[in-house]
C-alpha atoms as a PDB file:
ATOM      1  CA  ASP A   1      87.374  91.443  95.944  1.00  0.00           C
ATOM      2  CA  ARG A   2      91.064  91.757  96.829  1.00  0.00           C
ATOM      3  CA  ILE A   3      92.171  91.976  93.183  1.00  0.00           C
ATOM      4  CA  ALA A   4      89.887  94.951  92.555  1.00  0.00           C
ATOM      5  CA  ARG A   5      90.915  96.680  95.812  1.00  0.00           C
ATOM      6  CA  THR A   6      94.595  96.177  94.993  1.00  0.00           C
ATOM      7  CA  ALA A   7      94.073  97.621  91.516  1.00  0.00           C
ATOM      8  CA  VAL A   8      92.263 100.656  92.966  1.00  0.00           C
ATOM      9  CA  GLY A   9      95.122 101.237  95.412  1.00  0.00           C
ATOM     10  CA  LEU A  10      97.779 100.913  92.733  1.00  0.00           C
ATOM     11  CA  ARG A  11      95.920 103.365  90.518  1.00  0.00           C
ATOM     12  CA  ALA A  12      95.764 105.817  93.435  1.00  0.00           C
ATOM     13  CA  LEU A  13      99.570 105.651  93.417  1.00  0.00           C
ATOM     14  CA  GLY A  14      99.650 106.354  89.684  1.00  0.00           C
ATOM     15  CA  ILE A  15     100.496 102.802  88.643  1.00  0.00           C
ATOM     16  CA  ALA A  16      98.895 101.482  85.455  1.00  0.00           C
ATOM     17  CA  VAL A  17      97.126  98.204  86.133  1.00  0.00           C
ATOM     18  CA  GLU A  18      94.644  96.073  84.212  1.00  0.00           C
ATOM     19  CA  GLU A  19      92.405  93.716  86.142  1.00  0.00           C
ATOM     20  CA  GLN A  20      92.005  90.163  84.923  1.00  0.00           C
ATOM     21  CA  PRO A  21      89.475  87.564  86.156  1.00  0.00           C
ATOM     22  CA  ASP A  22      92.157  85.778  88.166  1.00  0.00           C
ATOM     23  CA  GLY A  23      94.782  88.484  88.721  1.00  0.00           C
ATOM     24  CA  MET A  24      96.107  91.656  87.199  1.00  0.00           C
ATOM     25  CA  VAL A  25      98.648  92.941  84.726  1.00  0.00           C
ATOM     26  CA  ILE A  26     100.724  95.724  86.228  1.00  0.00           C
ATOM     27  CA  GLN A  27     102.210  98.038  83.623  1.00  0.00           C
ATOM     28  CA  GLY A  28     104.378  99.684  86.230  1.00  0.00           C
ATOM     29  CA  GLY A  29     105.578 103.211  86.572  1.00  0.00           C
ATOM     30  CA  GLN A  30     106.812 105.426  89.345  1.00  0.00           C
ATOM     31  CA  PRO A  31     104.421 105.793  92.249  1.00  0.00           C
ATOM     32  CA  HIS A  32     103.419 109.327  93.134  1.00  0.00           C
ATOM     33  CA  GLY A  33     101.957 110.854  96.208  1.00  0.00           C
ATOM     34  CA  PRO A  34     100.751 111.936  98.452  1.00  0.00           C
ATOM     35  CA  ALA A  35      98.003 109.407  97.955  1.00  0.00           C
ATOM     36  CA  THR A  36      95.211 108.052 100.113  1.00  0.00           C
ATOM     37  CA  VAL A  37      94.571 104.332  99.861  1.00  0.00           C
ATOM     38  CA  ASP A  38      91.706 102.423 101.456  1.00  0.00           C
ATOM     39  CA  GLY A  39      92.810  99.161 103.062  1.00  0.00           C
ATOM     40  CA  ALA A  40      89.212  97.941 102.643  1.00  0.00           C
ATOM     41  CA  GLY A  41      89.312  96.276 106.051  1.00  0.00           C
ATOM     42  CA  ASP A  42      92.006  93.850 104.868  1.00  0.00           C
ATOM     43  CA  HIS A  43      95.210  93.708 106.915  1.00  0.00           C
ATOM     44  CA  ARG A  44      97.128  92.285 103.943  1.00  0.00           C
ATOM     45  CA  LEU A  45      96.223  95.236 101.734  1.00  0.00           C
ATOM     46  CA  VAL A  46      97.105  97.691 104.497  1.00  0.00           C
ATOM     47  CA  MET A  47     100.556  96.150 104.899  1.00  0.00           C
ATOM     48  CA  ALA A  48     101.165  95.988 101.156  1.00  0.00           C
ATOM     49  CA  PHE A  49     100.274  99.644 100.647  1.00  0.00           C
ATOM     50  CA  ALA A  50     102.231 100.711 103.714  1.00  0.00           C
ATOM     51  CA  VAL A  51     105.325  99.159 102.141  1.00  0.00           C
ATOM     52  CA  ALA A  52     104.481 100.793  98.797  1.00  0.00           C
ATOM     53  CA  GLY A  53     104.088 104.083 100.645  1.00  0.00           C
ATOM     54  CA  ALA A  54     107.671 103.849 101.835  1.00  0.00           C
ATOM     55  CA  ALA A  55     108.749 104.145  98.193  1.00  0.00           C
ATOM     56  CA  THR A  56     106.178 106.774  97.232  1.00  0.00           C
ATOM     57  CA  PRO A  57     107.266 110.418  97.128  1.00  0.00           C
ATOM     58  CA  GLY A  58     104.874 112.270  99.408  1.00  0.00           C
ATOM     59  CA  GLY A  59     103.869 109.040 101.138  1.00  0.00           C
ATOM     60  CA  VAL A  60     100.587 107.253 101.539  1.00  0.00           C
ATOM     61  CA  VAL A  61      97.765 107.817 103.986  1.00  0.00           C
ATOM     62  CA  LEU A  62      96.081 104.510 104.769  1.00  0.00           C
ATOM     63  CA  ASP A  63      92.416 104.315 105.647  1.00  0.00           C
ATOM     64  CA  GLY A  64      91.974 101.304 107.902  1.00  0.00           C
ATOM     65  CA  ALA A  65      95.604 101.114 109.015  1.00  0.00           C
ATOM     66  CA  ASP A  66      94.556  99.651 112.359  1.00  0.00           C
ATOM     67  CA  GLU A  67      93.621  96.417 110.566  1.00  0.00           C
ATOM     68  CA  VAL A  68      97.269  95.264 110.723  1.00  0.00           C
ATOM     69  CA  ALA A  69      96.651  94.292 114.344  1.00  0.00           C
ATOM     70  CA  THR A  70      94.808  91.256 112.955  1.00  0.00           C
ATOM     71  CA  SER A  71      98.018  89.523 111.942  1.00  0.00           C
ATOM     72  CA  TYR A  72     101.004  91.728 112.833  1.00  0.00           C
ATOM     73  CA  PRO A  73     100.358  94.165 115.679  1.00  0.00           C
ATOM     74  CA  ALA A  74     103.996  95.346 115.682  1.00  0.00           C
ATOM     75  CA  PHE A  75     103.931  96.166 111.954  1.00  0.00           C
ATOM     76  CA  PRO A  76     103.886  99.988 112.392  1.00  0.00           C
ATOM     77  CA  ASP A  77     106.857  99.746 114.776  1.00  0.00           C
ATOM     78  CA  THR A  78     108.738  97.467 112.394  1.00  0.00           C
ATOM     79  CA  LEU A  79     108.078  99.824 109.496  1.00  0.00           C
ATOM     80  CA  ALA A  80     109.212 102.801 111.576  1.00  0.00           C
ATOM     81  CA  ALA A  81     112.426 100.955 112.481  1.00  0.00           C
ATOM     82  CA  LEU A  82     113.083 100.664 108.750  1.00  0.00           C
ATOM     83  CA  GLY A  83     112.647 104.402 108.330  1.00  0.00           C
ATOM     84  CA  ALA A  84     109.081 104.373 107.050  1.00  0.00           C
ATOM     85  CA  GLY A  85     105.829 104.973 108.807  1.00  0.00           C
ATOM     86  CA  VAL A  86     102.118 104.448 108.581  1.00  0.00           C
ATOM     87  CA  GLU A  87     100.090 107.636 108.589  1.00  0.00           C
ATOM     88  CA  ARG A  88      96.503 107.337 109.664  1.00  0.00           C
ATOM     89  CA  PRO A  89      93.864 109.814 108.472  1.00  0.00           C
END
């Protein structure tokens, strides 16, 4: 369930979120880290949380970061070129 996994990841970053049957309500807040987020085997979640990690003090460690190879193998290089990186556990 991608909605549930996204909500879990956002909460790991300290973001208030309420799951709905067809989405979520994000209350917002400042992300905090360091945080570990599980990509749950979903390349889209890995990329989303990698981008969120770039704005998170202390950064984000992504479980399953290798999943990005499914759709964007150069994603870690692109992120690094922007001054952010993907840390693998």
